[in-house]
């Protein structure tokens, strides 16, 4: 189910990314990506540390902590910043950064758990 959800999420983001690419690209170089990477990294670490002794729980809580719901983020941001054209682009960029960060974390965790002790 996780893989199906990931494929559907990526498939639905591609048309949105293509349509909003100029706005997303305008955020590059402003420090937005660095802030998003830091947010994802800190969220992964906190979730991992608070995940308890079970390695699978640590991975799940780390990923759940780092991923945000883009629909809720969009609703909150458009309510607080009405008419701001960069809000959807920033949320999409954050979703992409979180997807890449949690994917790298998940692969690294699985590789580490697969190694014999």
PDB file of N, CA and C in Angstrom:
ATOM      1  N   UNK A   1       0.818  -1.180   0.000  1.00  0.00           N
ATOM      2  CA  UNK A   1       0.000   0.000   0.000  1.00  0.00           C
ATOM      3  C   UNK A   1       0.869   1.253   0.000  1.00  0.00           C
ATOM      4  N   UNK A   2       1.981   1.195   0.715  1.00  0.00           N
ATOM      5  CA  UNK A   2       2.868   2.351   0.781  1.00  0.00           C
ATOM      6  C   UNK A   2       3.423   2.692  -0.597  1.00  0.00           C
ATOM      7  N   UNK A   3       3.816   1.673  -1.333  1.00  0.00           N
ATOM      8  CA  UNK A   3       4.359   1.919  -2.676  1.00  0.00           C
ATOM      9  C   UNK A   3       3.288   2.448  -3.620  1.00  0.00           C
ATOM     10  N   UNK A   4       2.087   1.928  -3.511  1.00  0.00           N
ATOM     11  CA  UNK A   4       0.995   2.419  -4.354  1.00  0.00           C
ATOM     12  C   UNK A   4       0.709   3.877  -4.019  1.00  0.00           C
ATOM     13  N   UNK A   5       0.660   4.192  -2.732  1.00  0.00           N
ATOM     14  CA  UNK A   5       0.443   5.573  -2.313  1.00  0.00           C
ATOM     15  C   UNK A   5       1.544   6.498  -2.801  1.00  0.00           C
ATOM     16  N   UNK A   6       2.784   6.027  -2.756  1.00  0.00           N
ATOM     17  CA  UNK A   6       3.909   6.833  -3.230  1.00  0.00           C
ATOM     18  C   UNK A   6       3.810   7.085  -4.729  1.00  0.00           C
ATOM     19  N   UNK A   7       3.481   6.043  -5.479  1.00  0.00           N
ATOM     20  CA  UNK A   7       3.341   6.200  -6.933  1.00  0.00           C
ATOM     21  C   UNK A   7       2.213   7.178  -7.258  1.00  0.00           C
ATOM     22  N   UNK A   8       1.101   7.062  -6.558  1.00  0.00           N
ATOM     23  CA  UNK A   8      -0.011   7.986  -6.800  1.00  0.00           C
ATOM     24  C   UNK A   8       0.349   9.412  -6.411  1.00  0.00           C
ATOM     25  N   UNK A   9       1.070   9.568  -5.311  1.00  0.00           N
ATOM     26  CA  UNK A   9       1.483  10.903  -4.883  1.00  0.00           C
ATOM     27  C   UNK A   9       2.418  11.540  -5.906  1.00  0.00           C
ATOM     28  N   UNK A  10       3.410  10.791  -6.348  1.00  0.00           N
ATOM     29  CA  UNK A  10       4.349  11.318  -7.343  1.00  0.00           C
ATOM     30  C   UNK A  10       3.620  11.606  -8.654  1.00  0.00           C
ATOM     31  N   UNK A  11       2.742  10.695  -9.063  1.00  0.00           N
ATOM     32  CA  UNK A  11       1.992  10.898 -10.308  1.00  0.00           C
ATOM     33  C   UNK A  11       1.096  12.120 -10.270  1.00  0.00           C
ATOM     34  N   UNK A  12       0.535  12.407  -9.115  1.00  0.00           N
ATOM     35  CA  UNK A  12      -0.327  13.583  -9.012  1.00  0.00           C
ATOM     36  C   UNK A  12       0.474  14.870  -8.881  1.00  0.00           C
ATOM     37  N   UNK A  13       1.700  14.775  -8.394  1.00  0.00           N
ATOM     38  CA  UNK A  13       2.528  15.972  -8.233  1.00  0.00           C
ATOM     39  C   UNK A  13       3.203  16.410  -9.526  1.00  0.00           C
ATOM     40  N   UNK A  14       3.417  15.485 -10.446  1.00  0.00           N
ATOM     41  CA  UNK A  14       4.118  15.829 -11.687  1.00  0.00           C
ATOM     42  C   UNK A  14       3.390  16.916 -12.474  1.00  0.00           C
ATOM     43  N   UNK A  15       2.087  16.806 -12.755  1.00  0.00           N
ATOM     44  CA  UNK A  15       1.433  17.891 -13.492  1.00  0.00           C
ATOM     45  C   UNK A  15       1.443  19.221 -12.727  1.00  0.00           C
ATOM     46  N   UNK A  16       1.302  19.156 -11.423  1.00  0.00           N
ATOM     47  CA  UNK A  16       1.338  20.374 -10.614  1.00  0.00           C
ATOM     48  C   UNK A  16       2.730  20.990 -10.662  1.00  0.00           C
ATOM     49  N   UNK A  17       3.763  20.155 -10.575  1.00  0.00           N
ATOM     50  CA  UNK A  17       5.133  20.639 -10.630  1.00  0.00           C
ATOM     51  C   UNK A  17       5.438  21.293 -11.971  1.00  0.00           C
ATOM     52  N   UNK A  18       4.987  20.678 -13.055  1.00  0.00           N
ATOM     53  CA  UNK A  18       5.217  21.250 -14.387  1.00  0.00           C
ATOM     54  C   UNK A  18       4.531  22.607 -14.507  1.00  0.00           C
ATOM     55  N   UNK A  19       3.308  22.703 -14.031  1.00  0.00           N
ATOM     56  CA  UNK A  19       2.560  23.958 -14.141  1.00  0.00           C
ATOM     57  C   UNK A  19       3.139  25.064 -13.266  1.00  0.00           C
ATOM     58  N   UNK A  20       3.688  24.697 -12.110  1.00  0.00           N
ATOM     59  CA  UNK A  20       4.168  25.725 -11.192  1.00  0.00           C
ATOM     60  C   UNK A  20       5.695  25.807 -11.133  1.00  0.00           C
ATOM     61  N   UNK A  21       6.379  25.192 -12.097  1.00  0.00           N
ATOM     62  CA  UNK A  21       7.836  25.174 -12.055  1.00  0.00           C
ATOM     63  C   UNK A  21       8.472  26.562 -11.990  1.00  0.00           C
ATOM     64  N   UNK A  22       8.005  27.553 -12.749  1.00  0.00           N
ATOM     65  CA  UNK A  22       8.647  28.878 -12.635  1.00  0.00           C
ATOM     66  C   UNK A  22       8.598  29.454 -11.214  1.00  0.00           C
ATOM     67  N   UNK A  23       7.499  29.261 -10.520  1.00  0.00           N
ATOM     68  CA  UNK A  23       7.396  29.761  -9.143  1.00  0.00           C
ATOM     69  C   UNK A  23       8.274  28.944  -8.198  1.00  0.00           C
ATOM     70  N   UNK A  24       8.320  27.630  -8.411  1.00  0.00           N
ATOM     71  CA  UNK A  24       9.177  26.775  -7.577  1.00  0.00           C
ATOM     72  C   UNK A  24      10.636  27.158  -7.789  1.00  0.00           C
ATOM     73  N   UNK A  25      11.018  27.364  -9.041  1.00  0.00           N
ATOM     74  CA  UNK A  25      12.403  27.723  -9.345  1.00  0.00           C
ATOM     75  C   UNK A  25      12.775  29.075  -8.744  1.00  0.00           C
ATOM     76  N   UNK A  26      11.800  29.969  -8.603  1.00  0.00           N
ATOM     77  CA  UNK A  26      12.093  31.277  -8.022  1.00  0.00           C
ATOM     78  C   UNK A  26      12.452  31.182  -6.543  1.00  0.00           C
ATOM     79  N   UNK A  27      12.080  30.093  -5.894  1.00  0.00           N
ATOM     80  CA  UNK A  27      12.412  29.904  -4.475  1.00  0.00           C
ATOM     81  C   UNK A  27      13.831  29.391  -4.271  1.00  0.00           C
ATOM     82  N   UNK A  28      14.420  28.845  -5.334  1.00  0.00           N
ATOM     83  CA  UNK A  28      15.777  28.313  -5.235  1.00  0.00           C
ATOM     84  C   UNK A  28      16.741  29.479  -5.047  1.00  0.00           C
ATOM     85  N   UNK A  29      17.630  29.353  -4.117  1.00  0.00           N
ATOM     86  CA  UNK A  29      18.603  30.400  -3.850  1.00  0.00           C
ATOM     87  C   UNK A  29      18.176  31.381  -2.780  1.00  0.00           C
ATOM     88  N   UNK A  30      16.954  31.262  -2.308  1.00  0.00           N
ATOM     89  CA  UNK A  30      16.480  32.192  -1.287  1.00  0.00           C
ATOM     90  C   UNK A  30      16.668  31.652   0.130  1.00  0.00           C
ATOM     91  N   UNK A  31      17.208  30.461   0.231  1.00  0.00           N
ATOM     92  CA  UNK A  31      17.367  29.834   1.542  1.00  0.00           C
ATOM     93  C   UNK A  31      16.192  28.950   1.910  1.00  0.00           C
ATOM     94  N   UNK A  32      15.168  28.919   1.059  1.00  0.00           N
ATOM     95  CA  UNK A  32      13.977  28.119   1.349  1.00  0.00           C
ATOM     96  C   UNK A  32      14.308  26.634   1.374  1.00  0.00           C
ATOM     97  N   UNK A  33      15.118  26.184   0.431  1.00  0.00           N
ATOM     98  CA  UNK A  33      15.455  24.758   0.388  1.00  0.00           C
ATOM     99  C   UNK A  33      16.259  24.367   1.621  1.00  0.00           C
ATOM    100  N   UNK A  34      17.187  25.210   2.011  1.00  0.00           N
ATOM    101  CA  UNK A  34      17.980  24.924   3.207  1.00  0.00           C
ATOM    102  C   UNK A  34      17.089  24.811   4.441  1.00  0.00           C
ATOM    103  N   UNK A  35      16.132  25.711   4.566  1.00  0.00           N
ATOM    104  CA  UNK A  35      15.205  25.660   5.698  1.00  0.00           C
ATOM    105  C   UNK A  35      14.359  24.388   5.657  1.00  0.00           C
ATOM    106  N   UNK A  36      13.922  23.997   4.469  1.00  0.00           N
ATOM    107  CA  UNK A  36      13.103  22.789   4.338  1.00  0.00           C
ATOM    108  C   UNK A  36      13.918  21.534   4.634  1.00  0.00           C
ATOM    109  N   UNK A  37      15.165  21.495   4.175  1.00  0.00           N
ATOM    110  CA  UNK A  37      16.045  20.360   4.476  1.00  0.00           C
ATOM    111  C   UNK A  37      16.285  20.267   5.977  1.00  0.00           C
ATOM    112  N   UNK A  38      16.513  21.402   6.609  1.00  0.00           N
ATOM    113  CA  UNK A  38      16.717  21.406   8.068  1.00  0.00           C
ATOM    114  C   UNK A  38      15.467  20.921   8.798  1.00  0.00           C
ATOM    115  N   UNK A  39      14.297  21.364   8.356  1.00  0.00           N
ATOM    116  CA  UNK A  39      13.042  20.929   8.976  1.00  0.00           C
ATOM    117  C   UNK A  39      12.856  19.423   8.850  1.00  0.00           C
ATOM    118  N   UNK A  40      13.121  18.888   7.672  1.00  0.00           N
ATOM    119  CA  UNK A  40      12.977  17.447   7.455  1.00  0.00           C
ATOM    120  C   UNK A  40      13.999  16.679   8.286  1.00  0.00           C
ATOM    121  N   UNK A  41      15.242  17.133   8.297  1.00  0.00           N
ATOM    122  CA  UNK A  41      16.289  16.432   9.054  1.00  0.00           C
ATOM    123  C   UNK A  41      15.992  16.424  10.546  1.00  0.00           C
ATOM    124  N   UNK A  42      15.612  17.567  11.095  1.00  0.00           N
ATOM    125  CA  UNK A  42      15.299  17.642  12.522  1.00  0.00           C
ATOM    126  C   UNK A  42      14.083  16.775  12.845  1.00  0.00           C
ATOM    127  N   UNK A  43      13.082  16.791  11.974  1.00  0.00           N
ATOM    128  CA  UNK A  43      11.889  15.967  12.197  1.00  0.00           C
ATOM    129  C   UNK A  43      12.234  14.480  12.169  1.00  0.00           C
ATOM    130  N   UNK A  44      13.092  14.079  11.233  1.00  0.00           N
ATOM    131  CA  UNK A  44      13.513  12.675  11.168  1.00  0.00           C
ATOM    132  C   UNK A  44      14.257  12.265  12.436  1.00  0.00           C
ATOM    133  N   UNK A  45      15.148  13.115  12.895  1.00  0.00           N
ATOM    134  CA  UNK A  45      15.923  12.800  14.098  1.00  0.00           C
ATOM    135  C   UNK A  45      15.007  12.704  15.314  1.00  0.00           C
ATOM    136  N   UNK A  46      14.119  13.659  15.477  1.00  0.00           N
ATOM    137  CA  UNK A  46      13.212  13.638  16.632  1.00  0.00           C
ATOM    138  C   UNK A  46      12.316  12.402  16.589  1.00  0.00           C
ATOM    139  N   UNK A  47      11.748  12.110  15.433  1.00  0.00           N
ATOM    140  CA  UNK A  47      10.908  10.925  15.314  1.00  0.00           C
ATOM    141  C   UNK A  47      11.683   9.647  15.575  1.00  0.00           C
ATOM    142  N   UNK A  48      12.905   9.590  15.080  1.00  0.00           N
ATOM    143  CA  UNK A  48      13.749   8.412  15.280  1.00  0.00           C
ATOM    144  C   UNK A  48      14.079   8.229  16.755  1.00  0.00           C
ATOM    145  N   UNK A  49      14.454   9.298  17.416  1.00  0.00           N
ATOM    146  CA  UNK A  49      14.832   9.216  18.834  1.00  0.00           C
ATOM    147  C   UNK A  49      13.632   8.840  19.700  1.00  0.00           C
ATOM    148  N   UNK A  50      12.468   9.402  19.398  1.00  0.00           N
ATOM    149  CA  UNK A  50      11.283   9.129  20.212  1.00  0.00           C
ATOM    150  C   UNK A  50      10.549   7.855  19.803  1.00  0.00           C
ATOM    151  N   UNK A  51      11.071   7.155  18.791  1.00  0.00           N
ATOM    152  CA  UNK A  51      10.404   5.961  18.279  1.00  0.00           C
ATOM    153  C   UNK A  51      10.481   4.737  19.164  1.00  0.00           C
ATOM    154  N   UNK A  52      11.261   4.792  20.211  1.00  0.00           N
ATOM    155  CA  UNK A  52      11.350   3.657  21.127  1.00  0.00           C
ATOM    156  C   UNK A  52      12.400   2.655  20.697  1.00  0.00           C
ATOM    157  N   UNK A  53      12.414   1.506  21.351  1.00  0.00           N
ATOM    158  CA  UNK A  53      13.479   0.538  21.104  1.00  0.00           C
ATOM    159  C   UNK A  53      13.311  -0.274  19.812  1.00  0.00           C
ATOM    160  N   UNK A  54      12.107  -0.373  19.296  1.00  0.00           N
ATOM    161  CA  UNK A  54      11.872  -1.169  18.085  1.00  0.00           C
ATOM    162  C   UNK A  54      12.337  -0.388  16.851  1.00  0.00           C
ATOM    163  N   UNK A  55      13.273  -0.948  16.057  1.00  0.00           N
ATOM    164  CA  UNK A  55      13.785  -0.234  14.888  1.00  0.00           C
ATOM    165  C   UNK A  55      12.707   0.139  13.869  1.00  0.00           C
ATOM    166  N   UNK A  56      11.710  -0.708  13.709  1.00  0.00           N
ATOM    167  CA  UNK A  56      10.634  -0.394  12.761  1.00  0.00           C
ATOM    168  C   UNK A  56       9.797   0.790  13.256  1.00  0.00           C
ATOM    169  N   UNK A  57       9.555   0.842  14.558  1.00  0.00           N
ATOM    170  CA  UNK A  57       8.819   1.974  15.120  1.00  0.00           C
ATOM    171  C   UNK A  57       9.600   3.272  14.940  1.00  0.00           C
ATOM    172  N   UNK A  58      10.900   3.176  15.109  1.00  0.00           N
ATOM    173  CA  UNK A  58      11.741   4.359  14.937  1.00  0.00           C
ATOM    174  C   UNK A  58      11.642   4.886  13.504  1.00  0.00           C
ATOM    175  N   UNK A  59      11.715   3.981  12.553  1.00  0.00           N
ATOM    176  CA  UNK A  59      11.643   4.388  11.146  1.00  0.00           C
ATOM    177  C   UNK A  59      10.283   4.990  10.815  1.00  0.00           C
ATOM    178  N   UNK A  60       9.230   4.343  11.254  1.00  0.00           N
ATOM    179  CA  UNK A  60       7.880   4.834  10.954  1.00  0.00           C
ATOM    180  C   UNK A  60       7.639   6.194  11.591  1.00  0.00           C
ATOM    181  N   UNK A  61       8.020   6.364  12.850  1.00  0.00           N
ATOM    182  CA  UNK A  61       7.799   7.651  13.511  1.00  0.00           C
ATOM    183  C   UNK A  61       8.688   8.740  12.914  1.00  0.00           C
ATOM    184  N   UNK A  62       9.902   8.375  12.515  1.00  0.00           N
ATOM    185  CA  UNK A  62      10.768   9.347  11.860  1.00  0.00           C
ATOM    186  C   UNK A  62      10.159   9.860  10.565  1.00  0.00           C
ATOM    187  N   UNK A  63       9.674   8.946   9.735  1.00  0.00           N
ATOM    188  CA  UNK A  63       9.072   9.333   8.458  1.00  0.00           C
ATOM    189  C   UNK A  63       7.770  10.093   8.681  1.00  0.00           C
ATOM    190  N   UNK A  64       6.959   9.627   9.611  1.00  0.00           N
ATOM    191  CA  UNK A  64       5.692  10.322   9.881  1.00  0.00           C
ATOM    192  C   UNK A  64       5.934  11.726  10.424  1.00  0.00           C
ATOM    193  N   UNK A  65       7.006  11.894  11.194  1.00  0.00           N
ATOM    194  CA  UNK A  65       7.316  13.219  11.724  1.00  0.00           C
ATOM    195  C   UNK A  65       7.769  14.176  10.631  1.00  0.00           C
ATOM    196  N   UNK A  66       8.466  13.656   9.644  1.00  0.00           N
ATOM    197  CA  UNK A  66       9.030  14.510   8.593  1.00  0.00           C
ATOM    198  C   UNK A  66       8.025  14.855   7.498  1.00  0.00           C
ATOM    199  N   UNK A  67       7.077  13.985   7.258  1.00  0.00           N
ATOM    200  CA  UNK A  67       6.104  14.238   6.184  1.00  0.00           C
ATOM    201  C   UNK A  67       4.952  15.067   6.738  1.00  0.00           C
ATOM    202  N   UNK A  68       4.580  16.056   5.980  1.00  0.00           N
ATOM    203  CA  UNK A  68       3.454  16.908   6.351  1.00  0.00           C
ATOM    204  C   UNK A  68       2.343  16.705   5.337  1.00  0.00           C
ATOM    205  N   UNK A  69       1.126  16.959   5.731  1.00  0.00           N
ATOM    206  CA  UNK A  69      -0.004  16.815   4.812  1.00  0.00           C
ATOM    207  C   UNK A  69      -0.111  18.075   3.966  1.00  0.00           C
ATOM    208  N   UNK A  70       0.106  17.973   2.658  1.00  0.00           N
ATOM    209  CA  UNK A  70       0.111  19.176   1.823  1.00  0.00           C
ATOM    210  C   UNK A  70      -1.242  19.873   1.747  1.00  0.00           C
ATOM    211  N   UNK A  71      -2.325  19.138   1.859  1.00  0.00           N
ATOM    212  CA  UNK A  71      -3.650  19.757   1.821  1.00  0.00           C
ATOM    213  C   UNK A  71      -3.897  20.655   3.015  1.00  0.00           C
ATOM    214  N   UNK A  72      -3.502  20.185   4.181  1.00  0.00           N
ATOM    215  CA  UNK A  72      -3.667  20.991   5.385  1.00  0.00           C
ATOM    216  C   UNK A  72      -2.734  22.206   5.332  1.00  0.00           C
ATOM    217  N   UNK A  73      -1.517  21.993   4.869  1.00  0.00           N
ATOM    218  CA  UNK A  73      -0.580  23.111   4.743  1.00  0.00           C
ATOM    219  C   UNK A  73      -1.119  24.165   3.783  1.00  0.00           C
ATOM    220  N   UNK A  74      -1.699  23.722   2.685  1.00  0.00           N
ATOM    221  CA  UNK A  74      -2.260  24.656   1.712  1.00  0.00           C
ATOM    222  C   UNK A  74      -3.434  25.428   2.307  1.00  0.00           C
ATOM    223  N   UNK A  75      -4.297  24.736   3.044  1.00  0.00           N
ATOM    224  CA  UNK A  75      -5.446  25.400   3.664  1.00  0.00           C
ATOM    225  C   UNK A  75      -4.999  26.453   4.683  1.00  0.00           C
ATOM    226  N   UNK A  76      -4.036  26.100   5.518  1.00  0.00           N
ATOM    227  CA  UNK A  76      -3.555  27.038   6.529  1.00  0.00           C
ATOM    228  C   UNK A  76      -2.839  28.222   5.879  1.00  0.00           C
ATOM    229  N   UNK A  77      -1.989  27.936   4.908  1.00  0.00           N
ATOM    230  CA  UNK A  77      -1.204  29.004   4.278  1.00  0.00           C
ATOM    231  C   UNK A  77      -2.080  29.956   3.471  1.00  0.00           C
ATOM    232  N   UNK A  78      -3.035  29.430   2.732  1.00  0.00           N
ATOM    233  CA  UNK A  78      -3.887  30.330   1.947  1.00  0.00           C
ATOM    234  C   UNK A  78      -4.810  31.144   2.850  1.00  0.00           C
ATOM    235  N   UNK A  79      -5.154  30.615   3.991  1.00  0.00           N
ATOM    236  CA  UNK A  79      -5.974  31.370   4.946  1.00  0.00           C
ATOM    237  C   UNK A  79      -5.162  32.498   5.582  1.00  0.00           C
ATOM    238  N   UNK A  80      -3.903  32.210   5.903  1.00  0.00           N
ATOM    239  CA  UNK A  80      -3.053  33.204   6.558  1.00  0.00           C
ATOM    240  C   UNK A  80      -2.383  34.172   5.588  1.00  0.00           C
ATOM    241  N   UNK A  81      -2.172  33.731   4.353  1.00  0.00           N
ATOM    242  CA  UNK A  81      -1.528  34.565   3.346  1.00  0.00           C
ATOM    243  C   UNK A  81      -2.365  34.570   2.067  1.00  0.00           C
ATOM    244  N   UNK A  82      -3.550  35.158   2.104  1.00  0.00           N
ATOM    245  CA  UNK A  82      -4.421  35.131   0.924  1.00  0.00           C
ATOM    246  C   UNK A  82      -3.791  35.880  -0.251  1.00  0.00           C
ATOM    247  N   UNK A  83      -3.869  35.263  -1.408  1.00  0.00           N
ATOM    248  CA  UNK A  83      -3.359  35.893  -2.618  1.00  0.00           C
ATOM    249  C   UNK A  83      -1.856  35.787  -2.803  1.00  0.00           C
ATOM    250  N   UNK A  84      -1.138  35.152  -1.894  1.00  0.00           N
ATOM    251  CA  UNK A  84       0.313  35.000  -2.036  1.00  0.00           C
ATOM    252  C   UNK A  84       0.592  33.931  -3.103  1.00  0.00           C
ATOM    253  N   UNK A  85       1.219  34.307  -4.216  1.00  0.00           N
ATOM    254  CA  UNK A  85       1.404  33.358  -5.317  1.00  0.00           C
ATOM    255  C   UNK A  85       2.436  32.270  -5.049  1.00  0.00           C
ATOM    256  N   UNK A  86       3.319  32.464  -4.082  1.00  0.00           N
ATOM    257  CA  UNK A  86       4.365  31.473  -3.835  1.00  0.00           C
ATOM    258  C   UNK A  86       3.968  30.396  -2.831  1.00  0.00           C
ATOM    259  N   UNK A  87       2.794  30.499  -2.226  1.00  0.00           N
ATOM    260  CA  UNK A  87       2.379  29.518  -1.230  1.00  0.00           C
ATOM    261  C   UNK A  87       2.302  28.104  -1.819  1.00  0.00           C
ATOM    262  N   UNK A  88       1.578  27.876  -2.909  1.00  0.00           N
ATOM    263  CA  UNK A  88       1.534  26.513  -3.455  1.00  0.00           C
ATOM    264  C   UNK A  88       2.908  26.014  -3.899  1.00  0.00           C
ATOM    265  N   UNK A  89       3.725  26.892  -4.436  1.00  0.00           N
ATOM    266  CA  UNK A  89       5.063  26.490  -4.870  1.00  0.00           C
ATOM    267  C   UNK A  89       5.923  26.084  -3.675  1.00  0.00           C
ATOM    268  N   UNK A  90       5.837  26.825  -2.587  1.00  0.00           N
ATOM    269  CA  UNK A  90       6.615  26.498  -1.391  1.00  0.00           C
ATOM    270  C   UNK A  90       6.153  25.176  -0.777  1.00  0.00           C
ATOM    271  N   UNK A  91       4.861  24.949  -0.767  1.00  0.00           N
ATOM    272  CA  UNK A  91       4.348  23.687  -0.224  1.00  0.00           C
ATOM    273  C   UNK A  91       4.775  22.513  -1.096  1.00  0.00           C
ATOM    274  N   UNK A  92       4.719  22.692  -2.404  1.00  0.00           N
ATOM    275  CA  UNK A  92       5.164  21.640  -3.310  1.00  0.00           C
ATOM    276  C   UNK A  92       6.652  21.368  -3.139  1.00  0.00           C
ATOM    277  N   UNK A  93       7.441  22.415  -3.013  1.00  0.00           N
ATOM    278  CA  UNK A  93       8.876  22.224  -2.816  1.00  0.00           C
ATOM    279  C   UNK A  93       9.145  21.507  -1.499  1.00  0.00           C
ATOM    280  N   UNK A  94       8.428  21.857  -0.467  1.00  0.00           N
ATOM    281  CA  UNK A  94       8.604  21.199   0.826  1.00  0.00           C
ATOM    282  C   UNK A  94       8.217  19.720   0.749  1.00  0.00           C
ATOM    283  N   UNK A  95       7.169  19.433   0.008  1.00  0.00           N
ATOM    284  CA  UNK A  95       6.753  18.042  -0.191  1.00  0.00           C
ATOM    285  C   UNK A  95       7.836  17.254  -0.921  1.00  0.00           C
ATOM    286  N   UNK A  96       8.446  17.863  -1.934  1.00  0.00           N
ATOM    287  CA  UNK A  96       9.509  17.192  -2.682  1.00  0.00           C
ATOM    288  C   UNK A  96      10.730  16.959  -1.796  1.00  0.00           C
ATOM    289  N   UNK A  97      11.123  17.966  -1.038  1.00  0.00           N
ATOM    290  CA  UNK A  97      12.272  17.829  -0.133  1.00  0.00           C
ATOM    291  C   UNK A  97      11.995  16.743   0.914  1.00  0.00           C
ATOM    292  N   UNK A  98      10.799  16.724   1.471  1.00  0.00           N
ATOM    293  CA  UNK A  98      10.450  15.706   2.467  1.00  0.00           C
ATOM    294  C   UNK A  98      10.424  14.317   1.845  1.00  0.00           C
ATOM    295  N   UNK A  99       9.924  14.215   0.620  1.00  0.00           N
ATOM    296  CA  UNK A  99       9.886  12.922  -0.058  1.00  0.00           C
ATOM    297  C   UNK A  99      11.302  12.396  -0.288  1.00  0.00           C
ATOM    298  N   UNK A 100      12.185  13.264  -0.752  1.00  0.00           N
ATOM    299  CA  UNK A 100      13.572  12.842  -0.995  1.00  0.00           C
ATOM    300  C   UNK A 100      14.253  12.495   0.328  1.00  0.00           C
ATOM    301  N   UNK A 101      14.086  13.337   1.327  1.00  0.00           N
ATOM    302  CA  UNK A 101      14.725  13.090   2.616  1.00  0.00           C
ATOM    303  C   UNK A 101      14.254  11.810   3.285  1.00  0.00           C
ATOM    304  N   UNK A 102      12.950  11.580   3.289  1.00  0.00           N
ATOM    305  CA  UNK A 102      12.439  10.358   3.927  1.00  0.00           C
ATOM    306  C   UNK A 102      12.778   9.115   3.109  1.00  0.00           C
ATOM    307  N   UNK A 103      12.882   9.249   1.800  1.00  0.00           N
ATOM    308  CA  UNK A 103      13.292   8.115   0.964  1.00  0.00           C
ATOM    309  C   UNK A 103      14.729   7.715   1.270  1.00  0.00           C
ATOM    310  N   UNK A 104      15.602   8.702   1.367  1.00  0.00           N
ATOM    311  CA  UNK A 104      17.006   8.421   1.697  1.00  0.00           C
ATOM    312  C   UNK A 104      17.097   7.804   3.092  1.00  0.00           C
ATOM    313  N   UNK A 105      16.362   8.351   4.040  1.00  0.00           N
ATOM    314  CA  UNK A 105      16.355   7.825   5.402  1.00  0.00           C
ATOM    315  C   UNK A 105      15.859   6.373   5.428  1.00  0.00           C
ATOM    316  N   UNK A 106      14.766   6.106   4.721  1.00  0.00           N
ATOM    317  CA  UNK A 106      14.211   4.751   4.697  1.00  0.00           C
ATOM    318  C   UNK A 106      15.157   3.740   4.084  1.00  0.00           C
ATOM    319  N   UNK A 107      15.796   4.103   2.980  1.00  0.00           N
ATOM    320  CA  UNK A 107      16.751   3.201   2.336  1.00  0.00           C
ATOM    321  C   UNK A 107      17.950   2.958   3.256  1.00  0.00           C
ATOM    322  N   UNK A 108      18.463   4.012   3.868  1.00  0.00           N
ATOM    323  CA  UNK A 108      19.604   3.863   4.780  1.00  0.00           C
ATOM    324  C   UNK A 108      19.243   2.987   5.971  1.00  0.00           C
ATOM    325  N   UNK A 109      18.045   3.168   6.512  1.00  0.00           N
ATOM    326  CA  UNK A 109      17.619   2.347   7.655  1.00  0.00           C
ATOM    327  C   UNK A 109      17.493   0.883   7.253  1.00  0.00           C
ATOM    328  N   UNK A 110      16.904   0.615   6.107  1.00  0.00           N
ATOM    329  CA  UNK A 110      16.742  -0.770   5.667  1.00  0.00           C
ATOM    330  C   UNK A 110      18.092  -1.433   5.407  1.00  0.00           C
ATOM    331  N   UNK A 111      19.010  -0.699   4.824  1.00  0.00           N
ATOM    332  CA  UNK A 111      20.350  -1.242   4.589  1.00  0.00           C
ATOM    333  C   UNK A 111      21.047  -1.535   5.911  1.00  0.00           C
ATOM    334  N   UNK A 112      20.906  -0.643   6.852  1.00  0.00           N
ATOM    335  CA  UNK A 112      21.560  -0.842   8.158  1.00  0.00           C
ATOM    336  C   UNK A 112      20.950  -2.028   8.893  1.00  0.00           C
ATOM    337  N   UNK A 113      19.639  -2.174   8.810  1.00  0.00           N
ATOM    338  CA  UNK A 113      18.983  -3.299   9.490  1.00  0.00           C
ATOM    339  C   UNK A 113      19.254  -4.624   8.789  1.00  0.00           C
ATOM    340  N   UNK A 114      19.542  -4.566   7.496  1.00  0.00           N
ATOM    341  CA  UNK A 114      19.789  -5.799   6.733  1.00  0.00           C
ATOM    342  C   UNK A 114      21.207  -6.344   6.991  1.00  0.00           C
ATOM    343  N   UNK A 115      22.133  -5.503   7.444  1.00  0.00           N
ATOM    344  CA  UNK A 115      23.496  -5.964   7.722  1.00  0.00           C
ATOM    345  C   UNK A 115      23.491  -6.882   8.927  1.00  0.00           C
ATOM    346  N   UNK A 116      24.234  -7.993   8.814  1.00  0.00           N
ATOM    347  CA  UNK A 116      24.323  -8.886   9.982  1.00  0.00           C
ATOM    348  C   UNK A 116      25.130  -8.223  11.090  1.00  0.00           C
ATOM    349  N   UNK A 117      24.705  -8.458  12.310  1.00  0.00           N
ATOM    350  CA  UNK A 117      25.366  -7.828  13.469  1.00  0.00           C
ATOM    351  C   UNK A 117      26.668  -8.499  13.819  1.00  0.00           C
TER     352      UNK A 117
END
